[in-house]
PDB file of N, CA and C in Angstrom:
ATOM      1  N   MET A   1      -4.591 -14.188   6.074  1.00  0.00           N
ATOM      2  CA  MET A   1      -4.236 -15.144   5.045  1.00  0.00           C
ATOM      3  C   MET A   1      -5.425 -16.062   4.809  1.00  0.00           C
ATOM      4  N   PRO A   2      -5.816 -16.235   3.555  1.00  0.00           N
ATOM      5  CA  PRO A   2      -6.943 -17.123   3.268  1.00  0.00           C
ATOM      6  C   PRO A   2      -6.524 -18.576   3.368  1.00  0.00           C
ATOM      7  N   PRO A   3      -7.471 -19.461   3.656  1.00  0.00           N
ATOM      8  CA  PRO A   3      -7.128 -20.878   3.631  1.00  0.00           C
ATOM      9  C   PRO A   3      -6.876 -21.315   2.193  1.00  0.00           C
ATOM     10  N   ALA A   4      -6.041 -22.321   1.994  1.00  0.00           N
ATOM     11  CA  ALA A   4      -5.800 -22.838   0.655  1.00  0.00           C
ATOM     12  C   ALA A   4      -7.120 -23.328   0.077  1.00  0.00           C
ATOM     13  N   ALA A   5      -7.430 -22.877  -1.112  1.00  0.00           N
ATOM     14  CA  ALA A   5      -8.714 -23.216  -1.726  1.00  0.00           C
ATOM     15  C   ALA A   5      -8.488 -23.759  -3.127  1.00  0.00           C
ATOM     16  N   GLU A   6      -8.779 -25.020  -3.325  1.00  0.00           N
ATOM     17  CA  GLU A   6      -8.622 -25.636  -4.644  1.00  0.00           C
ATOM     18  C   GLU A   6      -9.610 -25.059  -5.649  1.00  0.00           C
ATOM     19  N   ASP A   7     -10.703 -24.472  -5.176  1.00  0.00           N
ATOM     20  CA  ASP A   7     -11.716 -23.982  -6.096  1.00  0.00           C
ATOM     21  C   ASP A   7     -11.544 -22.499  -6.451  1.00  0.00           C
ATOM     22  N   THR A   8     -10.400 -21.893  -6.095  1.00  0.00           N
ATOM     23  CA  THR A   8     -10.149 -20.509  -6.464  1.00  0.00           C
ATOM     24  C   THR A   8      -9.809 -20.477  -7.948  1.00  0.00           C
ATOM     25  N   PRO A   9     -10.677 -19.902  -8.790  1.00  0.00           N
ATOM     26  CA  PRO A   9     -10.385 -19.880 -10.224  1.00  0.00           C
ATOM     27  C   PRO A   9      -9.291 -18.867 -10.542  1.00  0.00           C
ATOM     28  N   TYR A  10      -8.597 -19.089 -11.643  1.00  0.00           N
ATOM     29  CA  TYR A  10      -7.569 -18.162 -12.088  1.00  0.00           C
ATOM     30  C   TYR A  10      -8.231 -16.833 -12.447  1.00  0.00           C
ATOM     31  N   GLU A  11      -7.689 -15.761 -11.916  1.00  0.00           N
ATOM     32  CA  GLU A  11      -8.172 -14.420 -12.256  1.00  0.00           C
ATOM     33  C   GLU A  11      -7.031 -13.443 -11.996  1.00  0.00           C
ATOM     34  N   GLU A  12      -6.694 -12.632 -12.971  1.00  0.00           N
ATOM     35  CA  GLU A  12      -5.652 -11.626 -12.794  1.00  0.00           C
ATOM     36  C   GLU A  12      -6.264 -10.466 -12.018  1.00  0.00           C
ATOM     37  N   VAL A  13      -5.922 -10.412 -10.724  1.00  0.00           N
ATOM     38  CA  VAL A  13      -6.536  -9.467  -9.806  1.00  0.00           C
ATOM     39  C   VAL A  13      -5.512  -9.049  -8.759  1.00  0.00           C
ATOM     40  N   THR A  14      -5.681  -7.834  -8.233  1.00  0.00           N
ATOM     41  CA  THR A  14      -4.804  -7.354  -7.169  1.00  0.00           C
ATOM     42  C   THR A  14      -5.629  -6.687  -6.087  1.00  0.00           C
ATOM     43  N   ASP A  15      -4.989  -6.462  -4.950  1.00  0.00           N
ATOM     44  CA  ASP A  15      -5.614  -5.800  -3.813  1.00  0.00           C
ATOM     45  C   ASP A  15      -4.480  -5.237  -2.971  1.00  0.00           C
ATOM     46  N   LEU A  16      -4.649  -4.077  -2.385  1.00  0.00           N
ATOM     47  CA  LEU A  16      -3.597  -3.493  -1.557  1.00  0.00           C
ATOM     48  C   LEU A  16      -3.190  -4.415  -0.408  1.00  0.00           C
ATOM     49  N   ALA A  17      -4.114  -5.185   0.100  1.00  0.00           N
ATOM     50  CA  ALA A  17      -3.812  -6.093   1.209  1.00  0.00           C
ATOM     51  C   ALA A  17      -2.853  -7.205   0.791  1.00  0.00           C
ATOM     52  N   TYR A  18      -2.790  -7.539  -0.498  1.00  0.00           N
ATOM     53  CA  TYR A  18      -1.890  -8.591  -0.956  1.00  0.00           C
ATOM     54  C   TYR A  18      -0.435  -8.229  -0.655  1.00  0.00           C
ATOM     55  N   GLY A  19      -0.052  -6.985  -0.919  1.00  0.00           N
ATOM     56  CA  GLY A  19       1.316  -6.542  -0.646  1.00  0.00           C
ATOM     57  C   GLY A  19       1.639  -6.578   0.832  1.00  0.00           C
ATOM     58  N   ALA A  20       0.683  -6.179   1.652  1.00  0.00           N
ATOM     59  CA  ALA A  20       0.892  -6.209   3.108  1.00  0.00           C
ATOM     60  C   ALA A  20       1.113  -7.644   3.577  1.00  0.00           C
ATOM     61  N   HIS A  21       0.356  -8.572   3.036  1.00  0.00           N
ATOM     62  CA  HIS A  21       0.531  -9.987   3.404  1.00  0.00           C
ATOM     63  C   HIS A  21       1.900 -10.489   2.937  1.00  0.00           C
ATOM     64  N   ALA A  22       2.291 -10.149   1.724  1.00  0.00           N
ATOM     65  CA  ALA A  22       3.572 -10.616   1.184  1.00  0.00           C
ATOM     66  C   ALA A  22       4.754 -10.050   1.955  1.00  0.00           C
ATOM     67  N   ALA A  23       4.571  -8.935   2.637  1.00  0.00           N
ATOM     68  CA  ALA A  23       5.655  -8.360   3.445  1.00  0.00           C
ATOM     69  C   ALA A  23       6.038  -9.281   4.602  1.00  0.00           C
ATOM     70  N   THR A  24       5.216 -10.280   4.896  1.00  0.00           N
ATOM     71  CA  THR A  24       5.509 -11.227   5.975  1.00  0.00           C
ATOM     72  C   THR A  24       6.231 -12.473   5.461  1.00  0.00           C
ATOM     73  N   PHE A  25       6.494 -12.566   4.159  1.00  0.00           N
ATOM     74  CA  PHE A  25       7.168 -13.740   3.587  1.00  0.00           C
ATOM     75  C   PHE A  25       8.563 -13.897   4.181  1.00  0.00           C
ATOM     76  N   GLU A  26       9.028 -15.124   4.257  1.00  0.00           N
ATOM     77  CA  GLU A  26      10.406 -15.410   4.664  1.00  0.00           C
ATOM     78  C   GLU A  26      11.329 -15.021   3.520  1.00  0.00           C
ATOM     79  N   VAL A  27      12.491 -14.469   3.865  1.00  0.00           N
ATOM     80  CA  VAL A  27      13.457 -14.027   2.856  1.00  0.00           C
ATOM     81  C   VAL A  27      14.692 -14.898   2.931  1.00  0.00           C
ATOM     82  N   GLU A  28      15.093 -15.435   1.793  1.00  0.00           N
ATOM     83  CA  GLU A  28      16.335 -16.191   1.677  1.00  0.00           C
ATOM     84  C   GLU A  28      17.205 -15.480   0.648  1.00  0.00           C
ATOM     85  N   GLN A  29      18.509 -15.503   0.854  1.00  0.00           N
ATOM     86  CA  GLN A  29      19.420 -14.933  -0.133  1.00  0.00           C
ATOM     87  C   GLN A  29      20.482 -15.994  -0.441  1.00  0.00           C
ATOM     88  N   PRO A  30      20.187 -16.889  -1.418  1.00  0.00           N
ATOM     89  CA  PRO A  30      21.114 -17.981  -1.718  1.00  0.00           C
ATOM     90  C   PRO A  30      22.449 -17.523  -2.308  1.00  0.00           C
ATOM     91  N   ASP A  31      22.470 -16.336  -2.908  1.00  0.00           N
ATOM     92  CA  ASP A  31      23.710 -15.751  -3.402  1.00  0.00           C
ATOM     93  C   ASP A  31      23.527 -14.235  -3.425  1.00  0.00           C
ATOM     94  N   PRO A  32      24.603 -13.467  -3.636  1.00  0.00           N
ATOM     95  CA  PRO A  32      24.497 -12.003  -3.560  1.00  0.00           C
ATOM     96  C   PRO A  32      23.557 -11.360  -4.581  1.00  0.00           C
ATOM     97  N   HIS A  33      23.170 -12.095  -5.631  1.00  0.00           N
ATOM     98  CA  HIS A  33      22.337 -11.514  -6.683  1.00  0.00           C
ATOM     99  C   HIS A  33      20.935 -12.106  -6.747  1.00  0.00           C
ATOM    100  N   THR A  34      20.554 -12.893  -5.733  1.00  0.00           N
ATOM    101  CA  THR A  34      19.256 -13.557  -5.758  1.00  0.00           C
ATOM    102  C   THR A  34      18.589 -13.473  -4.390  1.00  0.00           C
ATOM    103  N   ILE A  35      17.301 -13.156  -4.424  1.00  0.00           N
ATOM    104  CA  ILE A  35      16.469 -13.190  -3.224  1.00  0.00           C
ATOM    105  C   ILE A  35      15.299 -14.120  -3.526  1.00  0.00           C
ATOM    106  N   VAL A  36      14.955 -14.966  -2.573  1.00  0.00           N
ATOM    107  CA  VAL A  36      13.794 -15.837  -2.704  1.00  0.00           C
ATOM    108  C   VAL A  36      12.844 -15.506  -1.560  1.00  0.00           C
ATOM    109  N   LEU A  37      11.621 -15.140  -1.907  1.00  0.00           N
ATOM    110  CA  LEU A  37      10.583 -14.855  -0.919  1.00  0.00           C
ATOM    111  C   LEU A  37       9.649 -16.054  -0.861  1.00  0.00           C
ATOM    112  N   ARG A  38       9.413 -16.588   0.350  1.00  0.00           N
ATOM    113  CA  ARG A  38       8.558 -17.762   0.528  1.00  0.00           C
ATOM    114  C   ARG A  38       7.424 -17.444   1.492  1.00  0.00           C
ATOM    115  N   GLY A  39       6.237 -17.871   1.112  1.00  0.00           N
ATOM    116  CA  GLY A  39       5.068 -17.673   1.954  1.00  0.00           C
ATOM    117  C   GLY A  39       3.860 -18.309   1.301  1.00  0.00           C
ATOM    118  N   THR A  40       2.692 -17.813   1.646  1.00  0.00           N
ATOM    119  CA  THR A  40       1.461 -18.300   1.028  1.00  0.00           C
ATOM    120  C   THR A  40       0.824 -17.169   0.242  1.00  0.00           C
ATOM    121  N   CYS A  41       0.254 -17.503  -0.876  1.00  0.00           N
ATOM    122  CA  CYS A  41      -0.396 -16.501  -1.717  1.00  0.00           C
ATOM    123  C   CYS A  41      -1.511 -15.828  -0.918  1.00  0.00           C
ATOM    124  N   PRO A  42      -1.573 -14.493  -0.967  1.00  0.00           N
ATOM    125  CA  PRO A  42      -2.624 -13.802  -0.220  1.00  0.00           C
ATOM    126  C   PRO A  42      -4.027 -14.002  -0.789  1.00  0.00           C
ATOM    127  N   ARG A  43      -4.137 -14.521  -1.996  1.00  0.00           N
ATOM    128  CA  ARG A  43      -5.461 -14.753  -2.585  1.00  0.00           C
ATOM    129  C   ARG A  43      -5.912 -16.194  -2.420  1.00  0.00           C
ATOM    130  N   CYS A  44      -5.083 -17.156  -2.871  1.00  0.00           N
ATOM    131  CA  CYS A  44      -5.521 -18.559  -2.859  1.00  0.00           C
ATOM    132  C   CYS A  44      -5.036 -19.326  -1.637  1.00  0.00           C
ATOM    133  N   GLY A  45      -4.015 -18.808  -0.927  1.00  0.00           N
ATOM    134  CA  GLY A  45      -3.537 -19.449   0.290  1.00  0.00           C
ATOM    135  C   GLY A  45      -2.560 -20.593   0.084  1.00  0.00           C
ATOM    136  N   HIS A  46      -2.184 -20.877  -1.163  1.00  0.00           N
ATOM    137  CA  HIS A  46      -1.235 -21.957  -1.427  1.00  0.00           C
ATOM    138  C   HIS A  46       0.200 -21.480  -1.204  1.00  0.00           C
ATOM    139  N   ALA A  47       1.066 -22.445  -0.848  1.00  0.00           N
ATOM    140  CA  ALA A  47       2.488 -22.138  -0.662  1.00  0.00           C
ATOM    141  C   ALA A  47       3.093 -21.713  -1.996  1.00  0.00           C
ATOM    142  N   MET A  48       3.984 -20.721  -1.928  1.00  0.00           N
ATOM    143  CA  MET A  48       4.631 -20.227  -3.134  1.00  0.00           C
ATOM    144  C   MET A  48       6.010 -19.681  -2.811  1.00  0.00           C
ATOM    145  N   ALA A  49       6.832 -19.572  -3.822  1.00  0.00           N
ATOM    146  CA  ALA A  49       8.141 -18.936  -3.708  1.00  0.00           C
ATOM    147  C   ALA A  49       8.283 -18.002  -4.894  1.00  0.00           C
ATOM    148  N   TYR A  50       8.890 -16.853  -4.643  1.00  0.00           N
ATOM    149  CA  TYR A  50       9.087 -15.863  -5.712  1.00  0.00           C
ATOM    150  C   TYR A  50      10.558 -15.476  -5.722  1.00  0.00           C
ATOM    151  N   ARG A  51      11.214 -15.715  -6.832  1.00  0.00           N
ATOM    152  CA  ARG A  51      12.646 -15.458  -6.967  1.00  0.00           C
ATOM    153  C   ARG A  51      12.863 -14.108  -7.648  1.00  0.00           C
ATOM    154  N   ILE A  52      13.724 -13.290  -7.039  1.00  0.00           N
ATOM    155  CA  ILE A  52      14.113 -12.007  -7.606  1.00  0.00           C
ATOM    156  C   ILE A  52      15.612 -12.097  -7.881  1.00  0.00           C
ATOM    157  N   ILE A  53      15.962 -11.966  -9.154  1.00  0.00           N
ATOM    158  CA  ILE A  53      17.358 -12.105  -9.554  1.00  0.00           C
ATOM    159  C   ILE A  53      17.952 -10.730  -9.847  1.00  0.00           C
ATOM    160  N   ASP A  54      19.230 -10.580  -9.520  1.00  0.00           N
ATOM    161  CA  ASP A  54      19.976  -9.333  -9.703  1.00  0.00           C
ATOM    162  C   ASP A  54      19.467  -8.227  -8.799  1.00  0.00           C
ATOM    163  N   GLN A  55      18.820  -8.593  -7.715  1.00  0.00           N
ATOM    164  CA  GLN A  55      18.372  -7.629  -6.717  1.00  0.00           C
ATOM    165  C   GLN A  55      19.448  -7.537  -5.650  1.00  0.00           C
ATOM    166  N   VAL A  56      19.977  -6.357  -5.431  1.00  0.00           N
ATOM    167  CA  VAL A  56      20.987  -6.166  -4.400  1.00  0.00           C
ATOM    168  C   VAL A  56      20.297  -5.717  -3.130  1.00  0.00           C
ATOM    169  N   VAL A  57      20.510  -6.445  -2.064  1.00  0.00           N
ATOM    170  CA  VAL A  57      19.936  -6.077  -0.781  1.00  0.00           C
ATOM    171  C   VAL A  57      20.963  -5.229  -0.058  1.00  0.00           C
ATOM    172  N   ARG A  58      20.600  -4.007   0.271  1.00  0.00           N
ATOM    173  CA  ARG A  58      21.523  -3.103   0.951  1.00  0.00           C
ATOM    174  C   ARG A  58      21.192  -3.081   2.432  1.00  0.00           C
ATOM    175  N   ARG A  59      22.185  -3.188   3.226  1.00  0.00           N
ATOM    176  CA  ARG A  59      22.037  -3.142   4.678  1.00  0.00           C
ATOM    177  C   ARG A  59      22.386  -1.739   5.155  1.00  0.00           C
ATOM    178  N   PRO A  60      21.802  -1.262   6.257  1.00  0.00           N
ATOM    179  CA  PRO A  60      22.128   0.073   6.767  1.00  0.00           C
ATOM    180  C   PRO A  60      23.623   0.301   6.972  1.00  0.00           C
ATOM    181  N   ALA A  61      24.383  -0.718   7.385  1.00  0.00           N
ATOM    182  CA  ALA A  61      25.821  -0.555   7.601  1.00  0.00           C
ATOM    183  C   ALA A  61      26.537  -0.218   6.301  1.00  0.00           C
ATOM    184  N   ALA A  62      26.031  -0.727   5.187  1.00  0.00           N
ATOM    185  CA  ALA A  62      26.668  -0.485   3.890  1.00  0.00           C
ATOM    186  C   ALA A  62      26.375   0.917   3.365  1.00  0.00           C
ATOM    187  N   THR A  63      25.425   1.607   3.955  1.00  0.00           N
ATOM    188  CA  THR A  63      25.060   2.946   3.488  1.00  0.00           C
ATOM    189  C   THR A  63      25.316   3.989   4.560  1.00  0.00           C
ATOM    190  N   GLY A  64      26.271   3.734   5.434  1.00  0.00           N
ATOM    191  CA  GLY A  64      26.601   4.709   6.465  1.00  0.00           C
ATOM    192  C   GLY A  64      25.577   4.787   7.572  1.00  0.00           C
ATOM    193  N   GLY A  65      24.805   3.719   7.796  1.00  0.00           N
ATOM    194  CA  GLY A  65      23.836   3.696   8.876  1.00  0.00           C
ATOM    195  C   GLY A  65      22.460   4.201   8.499  1.00  0.00           C
ATOM    196  N   GLU A  66      22.307   4.733   7.305  1.00  0.00           N
ATOM    197  CA  GLU A  66      21.001   5.218   6.869  1.00  0.00           C
ATOM    198  C   GLU A  66      20.251   4.095   6.164  1.00  0.00           C
ATOM    199  N   GLU A  67      18.957   4.113   6.324  1.00  0.00           N
ATOM    200  CA  GLU A  67      18.131   3.116   5.654  1.00  0.00           C
ATOM    201  C   GLU A  67      18.089   3.450   4.166  1.00  0.00           C
ATOM    202  N   PRO A  68      18.492   2.522   3.280  1.00  0.00           N
ATOM    203  CA  PRO A  68      18.480   2.802   1.853  1.00  0.00           C
ATOM    204  C   PRO A  68      17.045   2.836   1.316  1.00  0.00           C
ATOM    205  N   PRO A  69      16.845   3.522   0.199  1.00  0.00           N
ATOM    206  CA  PRO A  69      15.508   3.519  -0.392  1.00  0.00           C
ATOM    207  C   PRO A  69      15.178   2.131  -0.917  1.00  0.00           C
ATOM    208  N   GLY A  70      13.916   1.785  -0.927  1.00  0.00           N
ATOM    209  CA  GLY A  70      13.516   0.468  -1.394  1.00  0.00           C
ATOM    210  C   GLY A  70      13.288   0.446  -2.894  1.00  0.00           C
ATOM    211  N   THR A  71      13.224  -0.754  -3.417  1.00  0.00           N
ATOM    212  CA  THR A  71      12.916  -0.979  -4.821  1.00  0.00           C
ATOM    213  C   THR A  71      11.564  -1.661  -4.875  1.00  0.00           C
ATOM    214  N   GLU A  72      10.653  -1.132  -5.682  1.00  0.00           N
ATOM    215  CA  GLU A  72       9.338  -1.746  -5.781  1.00  0.00           C
ATOM    216  C   GLU A  72       9.384  -2.893  -6.787  1.00  0.00           C
ATOM    217  N   GLU A  73       8.906  -4.035  -6.359  1.00  0.00           N
ATOM    218  CA  GLU A  73       8.893  -5.245  -7.180  1.00  0.00           C
ATOM    219  C   GLU A  73       7.446  -5.680  -7.370  1.00  0.00           C
ATOM    220  N   THR A  74       7.047  -5.930  -8.609  1.00  0.00           N
ATOM    221  CA  THR A  74       5.725  -6.489  -8.865  1.00  0.00           C
ATOM    222  C   THR A  74       5.849  -7.995  -8.774  1.00  0.00           C
ATOM    223  N   MET A  75       5.072  -8.577  -7.893  1.00  0.00           N
ATOM    224  CA  MET A  75       5.094 -10.019  -7.661  1.00  0.00           C
ATOM    225  C   MET A  75       3.782 -10.626  -8.136  1.00  0.00           C
ATOM    226  N   MET A  76       3.793 -11.936  -8.306  1.00  0.00           N
ATOM    227  CA  MET A  76       2.580 -12.652  -8.666  1.00  0.00           C
ATOM    228  C   MET A  76       2.574 -14.011  -7.988  1.00  0.00           C
ATOM    229  N   CYS A  77       1.409 -14.583  -7.864  1.00  0.00           N
ATOM    230  CA  CYS A  77       1.288 -15.921  -7.295  1.00  0.00           C
ATOM    231  C   CYS A  77       2.018 -16.903  -8.199  1.00  0.00           C
ATOM    232  N   THR A  78       2.841 -17.749  -7.581  1.00  0.00           N
ATOM    233  CA  THR A  78       3.577 -18.774  -8.337  1.00  0.00           C
ATOM    234  C   THR A  78       3.288 -20.168  -7.788  1.00  0.00           C
ATOM    235  N   CYS A  79       2.147 -20.332  -7.122  1.00  0.00           N
ATOM    236  CA  CYS A  79       1.830 -21.639  -6.540  1.00  0.00           C
ATOM    237  C   CYS A  79       1.699 -22.686  -7.644  1.00  0.00           C
ATOM    238  N   GLY A  80       1.861 -23.925  -7.259  1.00  0.00           N
ATOM    239  CA  GLY A  80       1.760 -25.025  -8.216  1.00  0.00           C
ATOM    240  C   GLY A  80       0.407 -25.696  -8.233  1.00  0.00           C
ATOM    241  N   ALA A  81      -0.543 -25.159  -7.483  1.00  0.00           N
ATOM    242  CA  ALA A  81      -1.877 -25.769  -7.416  1.00  0.00           C
ATOM    243  C   ALA A  81      -2.652 -25.534  -8.712  1.00  0.00           C
ATOM    244  N   GLU A  82      -3.627 -26.386  -8.940  1.00  0.00           N
ATOM    245  CA  GLU A  82      -4.498 -26.233 -10.108  1.00  0.00           C
ATOM    246  C   GLU A  82      -5.537 -25.149  -9.842  1.00  0.00           C
ATOM    247  N   HIS A  83      -5.762 -24.295 -10.813  1.00  0.00           N
ATOM    248  CA  HIS A  83      -6.797 -23.261 -10.717  1.00  0.00           C
ATOM    249  C   HIS A  83      -7.579 -23.271 -12.026  1.00  0.00           C
ATOM    250  N   ALA A  84      -8.893 -23.417 -11.911  1.00  0.00           N
ATOM    251  CA  ALA A  84      -9.757 -23.445 -13.089  1.00  0.00           C
ATOM    252  C   ALA A  84      -9.548 -22.184 -13.925  1.00  0.00           C
ATOM    253  N   ASP A  85      -9.641 -22.324 -15.215  1.00  0.00           N
ATOM    254  CA  ASP A  85      -9.549 -21.219 -16.183  1.00  0.00           C
ATOM    255  C   ASP A  85      -8.146 -20.638 -16.326  1.00  0.00           C
ATOM    256  N   ARG A  86      -7.134 -21.283 -15.742  1.00  0.00           N
ATOM    257  CA  ARG A  86      -5.770 -20.776 -15.887  1.00  0.00           C
ATOM    258  C   ARG A  86      -5.278 -21.085 -17.296  1.00  0.00           C
ATOM    259  N   PRO A  87      -4.698 -20.082 -17.982  1.00  0.00           N
ATOM    260  CA  PRO A  87      -4.163 -20.336 -19.323  1.00  0.00           C
ATOM    261  C   PRO A  87      -3.044 -21.379 -19.293  1.00  0.00           C
ATOM    262  N   GLN A  88      -2.929 -22.108 -20.372  1.00  0.00           N
ATOM    263  CA  GLN A  88      -1.890 -23.136 -20.488  1.00  0.00           C
ATOM    264  C   GLN A  88      -0.518 -22.490 -20.327  1.00  0.00           C
ATOM    265  N   ASP A  89       0.381 -23.181 -19.668  1.00  0.00           N
ATOM    266  CA  ASP A  89       1.759 -22.741 -19.411  1.00  0.00           C
ATOM    267  C   ASP A  89       1.864 -21.599 -18.405  1.00  0.00           C
ATOM    268  N   TYR A  90       0.794 -21.261 -17.689  1.00  0.00           N
ATOM    269  CA  TYR A  90       0.836 -20.270 -16.617  1.00  0.00           C
ATOM    270  C   TYR A  90       0.932 -21.008 -15.291  1.00  0.00           C
ATOM    271  N   VAL A  91       1.347 -20.293 -14.255  1.00  0.00           N
ATOM    272  CA  VAL A  91       1.343 -20.828 -12.893  1.00  0.00           C
ATOM    273  C   VAL A  91       0.546 -19.884 -12.019  1.00  0.00           C
ATOM    274  N   GLY A  92       0.187 -20.355 -10.834  1.00  0.00           N
ATOM    275  CA  GLY A  92      -0.483 -19.509  -9.863  1.00  0.00           C
ATOM    276  C   GLY A  92      -1.957 -19.317 -10.111  1.00  0.00           C
ATOM    277  N   CYS A  93      -2.526 -18.432  -9.275  1.00  0.00           N
ATOM    278  CA  CYS A  93      -3.973 -18.167  -9.338  1.00  0.00           C
ATOM    279  C   CYS A  93      -4.301 -16.859 -10.054  1.00  0.00           C
ATOM    280  N   GLY A  94      -3.255 -16.114 -10.452  1.00  0.00           N
ATOM    281  CA  GLY A  94      -3.477 -14.852 -11.159  1.00  0.00           C
ATOM    282  C   GLY A  94      -3.313 -13.620 -10.294  1.00  0.00           C
ATOM    283  N   ALA A  95      -3.201 -13.801  -8.978  1.00  0.00           N
ATOM    284  CA  ALA A  95      -3.039 -12.651  -8.076  1.00  0.00           C
ATOM    285  C   ALA A  95      -1.680 -11.996  -8.312  1.00  0.00           C
ATOM    286  N   PHE A  96      -1.647 -10.659  -8.214  1.00  0.00           N
ATOM    287  CA  PHE A  96      -0.388  -9.933  -8.314  1.00  0.00           C
ATOM    288  C   PHE A  96      -0.451  -8.740  -7.390  1.00  0.00           C
ATOM    289  N   TRP A  97       0.728  -8.223  -7.015  1.00  0.00           N
ATOM    290  CA  TRP A  97       0.816  -7.116  -6.072  1.00  0.00           C
ATOM    291  C   TRP A  97       2.204  -6.494  -6.139  1.00  0.00           C
ATOM    292  N   ASN A  98       2.347  -5.336  -5.528  1.00  0.00           N
ATOM    293  CA  ASN A  98       3.638  -4.656  -5.429  1.00  0.00           C
ATOM    294  C   ASN A  98       4.161  -4.780  -4.004  1.00  0.00           C
ATOM    295  N   LEU A  99       5.481  -4.950  -3.899  1.00  0.00           N
ATOM    296  CA  LEU A  99       6.138  -5.063  -2.615  1.00  0.00           C
ATOM    297  C   LEU A  99       7.432  -4.273  -2.686  1.00  0.00           C
ATOM    298  N   THR A 100       7.697  -3.450  -1.664  1.00  0.00           N
ATOM    299  CA  THR A 100       8.930  -2.698  -1.623  1.00  0.00           C
ATOM    300  C   THR A 100      10.005  -3.554  -0.968  1.00  0.00           C
ATOM    301  N   ILE A 101      11.100  -3.766  -1.690  1.00  0.00           N
ATOM    302  CA  ILE A 101      12.228  -4.559  -1.216  1.00  0.00           C
ATOM    303  C   ILE A 101      13.333  -3.598  -0.808  1.00  0.00           C
ATOM    304  N   SER A 102      13.830  -3.764   0.398  1.00  0.00           N
ATOM    305  CA  SER A 102      14.938  -2.899   0.829  1.00  0.00           C
ATOM    306  C   SER A 102      16.103  -3.736   1.302  1.00  0.00           C
TER     307      SER A 102
END
């Protein structure tokens, strides 16, 4: 995980390591149709939360003990820090990645 860097400019960029880092995010499920992933952005290091709505989390018990297939979700940095060159009305540093949610 990189240290939080105020001088990380906005850039729409991805890296395979970003998804691996995001797999360590804390998972909250405030209701049956919402998942909130909390952690630090793998690019800029700032705290962020990513909300996934209408995502059903299946447990092995609900599928007869078998691990259900995952759903791939494209995530992006949603930190509230300032990043140079960020377009107006955007959030985050521009980093994005894929994460399999199961």
